[in-house]
Amino acid sequence: MRLDPEALRALRRVEAQGLTQSEAVRRSIVNEAERLRDRRALAAEVAALESDEADQAEMAAVASLMEELRAPG
């Protein structure tokens, strides 16, 4: 595996926590995969909420009520 200077610096920081190079690389790969999965799950949840007409209507009603209750000025 070839690493650029930025990746090498990051690897050294992870290794400084007491991990071997192999363990640091494994953990980094696993952590990134989890972040990608979490982002996809969040994107799916956002898409579901955006397509929920009842939820959109409720949000509009709450925004309207908040605007009515806002102090003048």
PDB file of N, CA and C in Angstrom:
ATOM      1  N   MET A   1       0.855  -1.155   0.000  1.00  0.00           N
ATOM      2  CA  MET A   1       0.000   0.000   0.000  1.00  0.00           C
ATOM      3  C   MET A   1       0.906   1.223   0.000  1.00  0.00           C
ATOM      4  N   ARG A   2       0.577   2.182  -0.854  1.00  0.00           N
ATOM      5  CA  ARG A   2       1.346   3.423  -0.917  1.00  0.00           C
ATOM      6  C   ARG A   2       0.513   4.538  -0.309  1.00  0.00           C
ATOM      7  N   LEU A   3       1.120   5.279   0.585  1.00  0.00           N
ATOM      8  CA  LEU A   3       0.430   6.375   1.244  1.00  0.00           C
ATOM      9  C   LEU A   3       1.088   7.702   0.893  1.00  0.00           C
ATOM     10  N   ASP A   4       0.269   8.719   0.680  1.00  0.00           N
ATOM     11  CA  ASP A   4       0.814  10.050   0.443  1.00  0.00           C
ATOM     12  C   ASP A   4       1.229  10.668   1.783  1.00  0.00           C
ATOM     13  N   PRO A   5       1.900  11.799   1.778  1.00  0.00           N
ATOM     14  CA  PRO A   5       2.374  12.397   3.034  1.00  0.00           C
ATOM     15  C   PRO A   5       1.266  12.658   4.060  1.00  0.00           C
ATOM     16  N   GLU A   6       0.127  13.111   3.592  1.00  0.00           N
ATOM     17  CA  GLU A   6      -0.983  13.372   4.512  1.00  0.00           C
ATOM     18  C   GLU A   6      -1.444  12.085   5.194  1.00  0.00           C
ATOM     19  N   ALA A   7      -1.580  11.013   4.410  1.00  0.00           N
ATOM     20  CA  ALA A   7      -2.009   9.734   4.977  1.00  0.00           C
ATOM     21  C   ALA A   7      -0.955   9.172   5.925  1.00  0.00           C
ATOM     22  N   LEU A   8       0.308   9.368   5.596  1.00  0.00           N
ATOM     23  CA  LEU A   8       1.370   8.896   6.494  1.00  0.00           C
ATOM     24  C   LEU A   8       1.336   9.637   7.834  1.00  0.00           C
ATOM     25  N   ARG A   9       1.112  10.943   7.787  1.00  0.00           N
ATOM     26  CA  ARG A   9       1.007  11.709   9.044  1.00  0.00           C
ATOM     27  C   ARG A   9      -0.177  11.211   9.877  1.00  0.00           C
ATOM     28  N   ALA A  10      -1.292  10.970   9.215  1.00  0.00           N
ATOM     29  CA  ALA A  10      -2.475  10.469   9.932  1.00  0.00           C
ATOM     30  C   ALA A  10      -2.197   9.094  10.529  1.00  0.00           C
ATOM     31  N   LEU A  11      -1.532   8.237   9.768  1.00  0.00           N
ATOM     32  CA  LEU A  11      -1.188   6.907  10.263  1.00  0.00           C
ATOM     33  C   LEU A  11      -0.277   7.011  11.479  1.00  0.00           C
ATOM     34  N   ARG A  12       0.678   7.901  11.449  1.00  0.00           N
ATOM     35  CA  ARG A  12       1.584   8.074  12.592  1.00  0.00           C
ATOM     36  C   ARG A  12       0.818   8.537  13.839  1.00  0.00           C
ATOM     37  N   ARG A  13      -0.164   9.413  13.645  1.00  0.00           N
ATOM     38  CA  ARG A  13      -0.971   9.862  14.793  1.00  0.00           C
ATOM     39  C   ARG A  13      -1.764   8.710  15.393  1.00  0.00           C
ATOM     40  N   VAL A  14      -2.295   7.851  14.541  1.00  0.00           N
ATOM     41  CA  VAL A  14      -3.057   6.699  15.027  1.00  0.00           C
ATOM     42  C   VAL A  14      -2.115   5.712  15.715  1.00  0.00           C
ATOM     43  N   GLU A  15      -0.962   5.475  15.128  1.00  0.00           N
ATOM     44  CA  GLU A  15       0.010   4.565  15.733  1.00  0.00           C
ATOM     45  C   GLU A  15       0.496   5.085  17.085  1.00  0.00           C
ATOM     46  N   ALA A  16       0.540   6.401  17.237  1.00  0.00           N
ATOM     47  CA  ALA A  16       0.994   6.991  18.503  1.00  0.00           C
ATOM     48  C   ALA A  16       0.063   6.627  19.657  1.00  0.00           C
ATOM     49  N   GLN A  17      -1.112   6.133  19.352  1.00  0.00           N
ATOM     50  CA  GLN A  17      -2.060   5.699  20.374  1.00  0.00           C
ATOM     51  C   GLN A  17      -1.754   4.277  20.843  1.00  0.00           C
ATOM     52  N   GLY A  18      -0.665   3.698  20.330  1.00  0.00           N
ATOM     53  CA  GLY A  18      -0.258   2.368  20.772  1.00  0.00           C
ATOM     54  C   GLY A  18      -0.678   1.241  19.857  1.00  0.00           C
ATOM     55  N   LEU A  19      -1.176   1.553  18.681  1.00  0.00           N
ATOM     56  CA  LEU A  19      -1.603   0.522  17.746  1.00  0.00           C
ATOM     57  C   LEU A  19      -0.466   0.167  16.799  1.00  0.00           C
ATOM     58  N   THR A  20      -0.471  -1.061  16.339  1.00  0.00           N
ATOM     59  CA  THR A  20       0.462  -1.438  15.285  1.00  0.00           C
ATOM     60  C   THR A  20      -0.026  -0.808  13.989  1.00  0.00           C
ATOM     61  N   GLN A  21       0.850  -0.774  13.003  1.00  0.00           N
ATOM     62  CA  GLN A  21       0.473  -0.211  11.716  1.00  0.00           C
ATOM     63  C   GLN A  21      -0.712  -0.973  11.126  1.00  0.00           C
ATOM     64  N   SER A  22      -0.661  -2.305  11.205  1.00  0.00           N
ATOM     65  CA  SER A  22      -1.755  -3.121  10.657  1.00  0.00           C
ATOM     66  C   SER A  22      -3.073  -2.840  11.367  1.00  0.00           C
ATOM     67  N   GLU A  23      -3.025  -2.759  12.707  1.00  0.00           N
ATOM     68  CA  GLU A  23      -4.247  -2.497  13.470  1.00  0.00           C
ATOM     69  C   GLU A  23      -4.771  -1.095  13.181  1.00  0.00           C
ATOM     70  N   ALA A  24      -3.881  -0.130  13.043  1.00  0.00           N
ATOM     71  CA  ALA A  24      -4.296   1.237  12.734  1.00  0.00           C
ATOM     72  C   ALA A  24      -5.003   1.291  11.380  1.00  0.00           C
ATOM     73  N   VAL A  25      -4.457   0.600  10.395  1.00  0.00           N
ATOM     74  CA  VAL A  25      -5.071   0.579   9.069  1.00  0.00           C
ATOM     75  C   VAL A  25      -6.413  -0.141   9.120  1.00  0.00           C
ATOM     76  N   ARG A  26      -6.469  -1.295   9.784  1.00  0.00           N
ATOM     77  CA  ARG A  26      -7.739  -2.037   9.899  1.00  0.00           C
ATOM     78  C   ARG A  26      -8.815  -1.181  10.552  1.00  0.00           C
ATOM     79  N   ARG A  27      -8.477  -0.578  11.685  1.00  0.00           N
ATOM     80  CA  ARG A  27      -9.474   0.243  12.394  1.00  0.00           C
ATOM     81  C   ARG A  27      -9.939   1.420  11.539  1.00  0.00           C
ATOM     82  N   SER A  28      -9.007   2.039  10.834  1.00  0.00           N
ATOM     83  CA  SER A  28      -9.376   3.169   9.983  1.00  0.00           C
ATOM     84  C   SER A  28     -10.340   2.750   8.885  1.00  0.00           C
ATOM     85  N   ILE A  29     -10.081   1.612   8.283  1.00  0.00           N
ATOM     86  CA  ILE A  29     -10.960   1.111   7.224  1.00  0.00           C
ATOM     87  C   ILE A  29     -12.343   0.797   7.791  1.00  0.00           C
ATOM     88  N   VAL A  30     -12.389   0.104   8.912  1.00  0.00           N
ATOM     89  CA  VAL A  30     -13.676  -0.248   9.532  1.00  0.00           C
ATOM     90  C   VAL A  30     -14.441   1.009   9.944  1.00  0.00           C
ATOM     91  N   ASN A  31     -13.743   1.954  10.559  1.00  0.00           N
ATOM     92  CA  ASN A  31     -14.407   3.196  10.983  1.00  0.00           C
ATOM     93  C   ASN A  31     -14.977   3.961   9.801  1.00  0.00           C
ATOM     94  N   GLU A  32     -14.229   4.052   8.715  1.00  0.00           N
ATOM     95  CA  GLU A  32     -14.725   4.757   7.532  1.00  0.00           C
ATOM     96  C   GLU A  32     -15.932   4.046   6.940  1.00  0.00           C
ATOM     97  N   ALA A  33     -15.901   2.730   6.898  1.00  0.00           N
ATOM     98  CA  ALA A  33     -17.054   1.967   6.388  1.00  0.00           C
ATOM     99  C   ALA A  33     -18.292   2.230   7.242  1.00  0.00           C
ATOM    100  N   GLU A  34     -18.119   2.313   8.558  1.00  0.00           N
ATOM    101  CA  GLU A  34     -19.253   2.604   9.447  1.00  0.00           C
ATOM    102  C   GLU A  34     -19.788   4.011   9.205  1.00  0.00           C
ATOM    103  N   ARG A  35     -18.888   4.972   9.003  1.00  0.00           N
ATOM    104  CA  ARG A  35     -19.332   6.348   8.725  1.00  0.00           C
ATOM    105  C   ARG A  35     -20.118   6.410   7.426  1.00  0.00           C
ATOM    106  N   LEU A  36     -19.644   5.691   6.405  1.00  0.00           N
ATOM    107  CA  LEU A  36     -20.370   5.671   5.132  1.00  0.00           C
ATOM    108  C   LEU A  36     -21.752   5.057   5.299  1.00  0.00           C
ATOM    109  N   ARG A  37     -21.823   3.965   6.060  1.00  0.00           N
ATOM    110  CA  ARG A  37     -23.117   3.324   6.309  1.00  0.00           C
ATOM    111  C   ARG A  37     -24.050   4.281   7.046  1.00  0.00           C
ATOM    112  N   ASP A  38     -23.514   4.967   8.052  1.00  0.00           N
ATOM    113  CA  ASP A  38     -24.331   5.915   8.818  1.00  0.00           C
ATOM    114  C   ASP A  38     -24.830   7.053   7.935  1.00  0.00           C
ATOM    115  N   ARG A  39     -23.956   7.557   7.049  1.00  0.00           N
ATOM    116  CA  ARG A  39     -24.376   8.635   6.137  1.00  0.00           C
ATOM    117  C   ARG A  39     -25.487   8.172   5.214  1.00  0.00           C
ATOM    118  N   ARG A  40     -25.357   6.948   4.713  1.00  0.00           N
ATOM    119  CA  ARG A  40     -26.399   6.418   3.819  1.00  0.00           C
ATOM    120  C   ARG A  40     -27.714   6.251   4.565  1.00  0.00           C
ATOM    121  N   ALA A  41     -27.641   5.776   5.797  1.00  0.00           N
ATOM    122  CA  ALA A  41     -28.855   5.602   6.597  1.00  0.00           C
ATOM    123  C   ALA A  41     -29.499   6.954   6.864  1.00  0.00           C
ATOM    124  N   LEU A  42     -28.686   7.964   7.177  1.00  0.00           N
ATOM    125  CA  LEU A  42     -29.219   9.298   7.431  1.00  0.00           C
ATOM    126  C   LEU A  42     -29.835   9.880   6.165  1.00  0.00           C
ATOM    127  N   ALA A  43     -29.183   9.692   5.039  1.00  0.00           N
ATOM    128  CA  ALA A  43     -29.726  10.182   3.769  1.00  0.00           C
ATOM    129  C   ALA A  43     -31.064   9.515   3.455  1.00  0.00           C
ATOM    130  N   ALA A  44     -31.176   8.231   3.736  1.00  0.00           N
ATOM    131  CA  ALA A  44     -32.437   7.523   3.507  1.00  0.00           C
ATOM    132  C   ALA A  44     -33.528   8.056   4.423  1.00  0.00           C
ATOM    133  N   GLU A  45     -33.170   8.346   5.671  1.00  0.00           N
ATOM    134  CA  GLU A  45     -34.153   8.891   6.613  1.00  0.00           C
ATOM    135  C   GLU A  45     -34.611  10.276   6.176  1.00  0.00           C
ATOM    136  N   VAL A  46     -33.697  11.104   5.725  1.00  0.00           N
ATOM    137  CA  VAL A  46     -34.045  12.440   5.239  1.00  0.00           C
ATOM    138  C   VAL A  46     -34.974  12.332   4.033  1.00  0.00           C
ATOM    139  N   ALA A  47     -34.647  11.435   3.116  1.00  0.00           N
ATOM    140  CA  ALA A  47     -35.485  11.254   1.932  1.00  0.00           C
ATOM    141  C   ALA A  47     -36.890  10.808   2.321  1.00  0.00           C
ATOM    142  N   ALA A  48     -36.986   9.920   3.286  1.00  0.00           N
ATOM    143  CA  ALA A  48     -38.304   9.456   3.734  1.00  0.00           C
ATOM    144  C   ALA A  48     -39.097  10.594   4.360  1.00  0.00           C
ATOM    145  N   LEU A  49     -38.442  11.411   5.166  1.00  0.00           N
ATOM    146  CA  LEU A  49     -39.130  12.540   5.793  1.00  0.00           C
ATOM    147  C   LEU A  49     -39.553  13.578   4.753  1.00  0.00           C
ATOM    148  N   GLU A  50     -38.690  13.824   3.787  1.00  0.00           N
ATOM    149  CA  GLU A  50     -39.021  14.801   2.749  1.00  0.00           C
ATOM    150  C   GLU A  50     -40.190  14.352   1.893  1.00  0.00           C
ATOM    151  N   SER A  51     -40.394  13.066   1.760  1.00  0.00           N
ATOM    152  CA  SER A  51     -41.496  12.569   0.934  1.00  0.00           C
ATOM    153  C   SER A  51     -42.773  12.336   1.741  1.00  0.00           C
ATOM    154  N   ASP A  52     -42.710  12.559   3.047  1.00  0.00           N
ATOM    155  CA  ASP A  52     -43.869  12.353   3.922  1.00  0.00           C
ATOM    156  C   ASP A  52     -44.722  13.626   3.923  1.00  0.00           C
ATOM    157  N   GLU A  53     -45.814  13.599   3.164  1.00  0.00           N
ATOM    158  CA  GLU A  53     -46.659  14.786   3.019  1.00  0.00           C
ATOM    159  C   GLU A  53     -47.269  15.218   4.347  1.00  0.00           C
ATOM    160  N   ALA A  54     -47.649  14.281   5.186  1.00  0.00           N
ATOM    161  CA  ALA A  54     -48.228  14.629   6.489  1.00  0.00           C
ATOM    162  C   ALA A  54     -47.186  15.331   7.356  1.00  0.00           C
ATOM    163  N   ASP A  55     -45.962  14.852   7.322  1.00  0.00           N
ATOM    164  CA  ASP A  55     -44.895  15.476   8.092  1.00  0.00           C
ATOM    165  C   ASP A  55     -44.610  16.881   7.562  1.00  0.00           C
ATOM    166  N   GLN A  56     -44.592  17.031   6.256  1.00  0.00           N
ATOM    167  CA  GLN A  56     -44.366  18.352   5.653  1.00  0.00           C
ATOM    168  C   GLN A  56     -45.468  19.332   6.056  1.00  0.00           C
ATOM    169  N   ALA A  57     -46.716  18.862   6.060  1.00  0.00           N
ATOM    170  CA  ALA A  57     -47.830  19.722   6.454  1.00  0.00           C
ATOM    171  C   ALA A  57     -47.717  20.119   7.922  1.00  0.00           C
ATOM    172  N   GLU A  58     -47.329  19.178   8.763  1.00  0.00           N
ATOM    173  CA  GLU A  58     -47.167  19.483  10.188  1.00  0.00           C
ATOM    174  C   GLU A  58     -46.042  20.495  10.406  1.00  0.00           C
ATOM    175  N   MET A  59     -44.939  20.329   9.701  1.00  0.00           N
ATOM    176  CA  MET A  59     -43.836  21.287   9.836  1.00  0.00           C
ATOM    177  C   MET A  59     -44.263  22.679   9.394  1.00  0.00           C
ATOM    178  N   ALA A  60     -45.040  22.763   8.313  1.00  0.00           N
ATOM    179  CA  ALA A  60     -45.533  24.054   7.833  1.00  0.00           C
ATOM    180  C   ALA A  60     -46.467  24.686   8.859  1.00  0.00           C
ATOM    181  N   ALA A  61     -47.315  23.873   9.471  1.00  0.00           N
ATOM    182  CA  ALA A  61     -48.233  24.385  10.484  1.00  0.00           C
ATOM    183  C   ALA A  61     -47.476  24.900  11.706  1.00  0.00           C
ATOM    184  N   VAL A  62     -46.468  24.179  12.133  1.00  0.00           N
ATOM    185  CA  VAL A  62     -45.660  24.608  13.285  1.00  0.00           C
ATOM    186  C   VAL A  62     -44.922  25.893  12.939  1.00  0.00           C
ATOM    187  N   ALA A  63     -44.355  25.981  11.754  1.00  0.00           N
ATOM    188  CA  ALA A  63     -43.643  27.204  11.341  1.00  0.00           C
ATOM    189  C   ALA A  63     -44.591  28.381  11.297  1.00  0.00           C
ATOM    190  N   SER A  64     -45.797  28.161  10.805  1.00  0.00           N
ATOM    191  CA  SER A  64     -46.789  29.228  10.740  1.00  0.00           C
ATOM    192  C   SER A  64     -47.170  29.698  12.146  1.00  0.00           C
ATOM    193  N   LEU A  65     -47.390  28.741  13.049  1.00  0.00           N
ATOM    194  CA  LEU A  65     -47.736  29.077  14.423  1.00  0.00           C
ATOM    195  C   LEU A  65     -46.598  29.849  15.087  1.00  0.00           C
ATOM    196  N   MET A  66     -45.381  29.425  14.892  1.00  0.00           N
ATOM    197  CA  MET A  66     -44.243  30.118  15.477  1.00  0.00           C
ATOM    198  C   MET A  66     -44.140  31.549  14.944  1.00  0.00           C
ATOM    199  N   GLU A  67     -44.432  31.715  13.667  1.00  0.00           N
ATOM    200  CA  GLU A  67     -44.406  33.066  13.081  1.00  0.00           C
ATOM    201  C   GLU A  67     -45.485  33.948  13.700  1.00  0.00           C
ATOM    202  N   GLU A  68     -46.652  33.384  13.940  1.00  0.00           N
ATOM    203  CA  GLU A  68     -47.749  34.146  14.571  1.00  0.00           C
ATOM    204  C   GLU A  68     -47.386  34.550  16.006  1.00  0.00           C
ATOM    205  N   LEU A  69     -46.668  33.688  16.713  1.00  0.00           N
ATOM    206  CA  LEU A  69     -46.333  33.940  18.107  1.00  0.00           C
ATOM    207  C   LEU A  69     -45.106  34.825  18.288  1.00  0.00           C
ATOM    208  N   ARG A  70     -44.374  35.057  17.197  1.00  0.00           N
ATOM    209  CA  ARG A  70     -43.156  35.850  17.281  1.00  0.00           C
ATOM    210  C   ARG A  70     -43.486  37.285  17.689  1.00  0.00           C
ATOM    211  N   ALA A  71     -42.662  37.814  18.554  1.00  0.00           N
ATOM    212  CA  ALA A  71     -42.867  39.196  19.027  1.00  0.00           C
ATOM    213  C   ALA A  71     -42.618  40.154  17.862  1.00  0.00           C
ATOM    214  N   PRO A  72     -43.391  41.221  17.811  1.00  0.00           N
ATOM    215  CA  PRO A  72     -43.200  42.214  16.749  1.00  0.00           C
ATOM    216  C   PRO A  72     -41.826  42.887  16.859  1.00  0.00           C
ATOM    217  N   GLY A  73     -41.328  43.317  15.715  1.00  0.00           N
ATOM    218  CA  GLY A  73     -40.138  44.141  15.731  1.00  0.00           C
ATOM    219  C   GLY A  73     -38.932  43.465  15.388  1.00  0.00           C
TER     220      GLY A  73
END
